[in-house]
């Protein structure tokens, strides 16, 4: 996994994604980075492709969907 595959965002976005994963896919939490201690943009996670595909299907959080659409082409996301 390279750096370009990472999901970055604000601390609020970090908290939003983590709360979603706690409820829907606890196994994916191991791919999240530790929460930053300041209010700057931070690296949130670096998920493997399998988790990315699951997120695309089930996680409708806008910043996650936007990042996945940047990272993958339409055919990959709809397989």
Protein backbone atom coordinates (compact mmCIF):
# COMPACT_ATOMS: atom_id res chain seq x y z
CA UNK A 1 0.00 0.00 0.00
CA UNK A 2 1.39 3.33 -0.95
CA UNK A 3 0.85 6.72 0.59
CA UNK A 4 -1.52 7.78 -2.16
CA UNK A 5 -4.08 5.20 -1.02
CA UNK A 6 -4.53 6.79 2.38
CA UNK A 7 -7.71 8.54 3.48
CA UNK A 8 -7.02 11.93 5.04
CA UNK A 9 -9.36 14.38 6.72
CA UNK A 10 -10.21 16.43 9.75
CA UNK A 11 -10.53 15.11 13.28
CA UNK A 12 -14.31 15.32 12.95
CA UNK A 13 -14.11 13.16 9.82
CA UNK A 14 -11.83 10.74 11.67
CA UNK A 15 -14.40 10.45 14.45
CA UNK A 16 -17.26 10.04 11.97
CA UNK A 17 -15.57 7.19 10.10
CA UNK A 18 -14.43 5.49 13.29
CA UNK A 19 -17.96 5.60 14.74
CA UNK A 20 -19.30 4.08 11.52
CA UNK A 21 -16.74 1.27 11.61
CA UNK A 22 -17.35 0.54 15.29
CA UNK A 23 -20.99 -0.14 14.40
CA UNK A 24 -20.54 -1.81 11.00
CA UNK A 25 -17.07 -3.35 10.57
CA UNK A 26 -14.85 -3.53 13.64
CA UNK A 27 -12.20 -5.54 11.75
CA UNK A 28 -11.45 -2.49 9.58
CA UNK A 29 -10.46 -0.46 12.65
CA UNK A 30 -7.02 -2.06 12.63
CA UNK A 31 -6.24 -0.11 9.46
CA UNK A 32 -6.92 3.28 11.07
CA UNK A 33 -4.07 5.48 12.23
CA UNK A 34 -3.96 6.75 15.82
CA UNK A 35 -6.07 9.89 16.24
CA UNK A 36 -4.06 13.10 15.99
CA UNK A 37 -4.03 15.55 18.89
CA UNK A 38 -4.47 18.79 16.94
CA UNK A 39 -7.12 20.16 14.62
CA UNK A 40 -5.12 19.96 11.39
CA UNK A 41 -5.88 17.57 8.56
CA UNK A 42 -4.57 14.14 9.46
CA UNK A 43 -4.12 10.71 7.95
CA UNK A 44 -7.15 8.69 8.97
CA UNK A 45 -6.61 5.25 7.50
CA UNK A 46 -4.96 3.10 4.87
CA UNK A 47 -7.38 0.31 4.05
CA UNK A 48 -6.64 -2.70 1.84
CA UNK A 49 -8.57 -2.93 -1.44
CA UNK A 50 -11.09 -5.41 0.03
CA UNK A 51 -12.07 -2.92 2.75
CA UNK A 52 -12.17 -0.08 0.21
CA UNK A 53 -14.68 -2.05 -1.87
CA UNK A 54 -16.77 -2.74 1.23
CA UNK A 55 -16.68 0.94 2.16
CA UNK A 56 -17.77 1.94 -1.34
CA UNK A 57 -20.78 -0.33 -1.06
CA UNK A 58 -21.84 0.36 2.53
CA UNK A 59 -20.32 3.61 3.78
CA UNK A 60 -22.11 6.62 2.34
CA UNK A 61 -19.99 9.19 4.18
CA UNK A 62 -19.25 11.82 1.52
CA UNK A 63 -15.50 12.28 2.10
CA UNK A 64 -14.96 8.50 2.03
CA UNK A 65 -16.92 8.10 -1.20
CA UNK A 66 -15.08 11.04 -2.74
CA UNK A 67 -11.68 9.56 -1.90
CA UNK A 68 -12.62 6.13 -3.23
CA UNK A 69 -13.84 7.67 -6.48
CA UNK A 70 -10.48 9.46 -6.83
CA UNK A 71 -8.54 6.29 -6.11
CA UNK A 72 -10.40 3.75 -8.28
CA UNK A 73 -12.05 3.76 -11.67
CA UNK A 74 -15.78 3.12 -12.02
CA UNK A 75 -15.35 -0.47 -13.18
CA UNK A 76 -13.28 -1.43 -10.14
CA UNK A 77 -15.82 0.10 -7.78
CA UNK A 78 -18.78 -1.64 -9.39
CA UNK A 79 -17.30 -5.16 -9.53
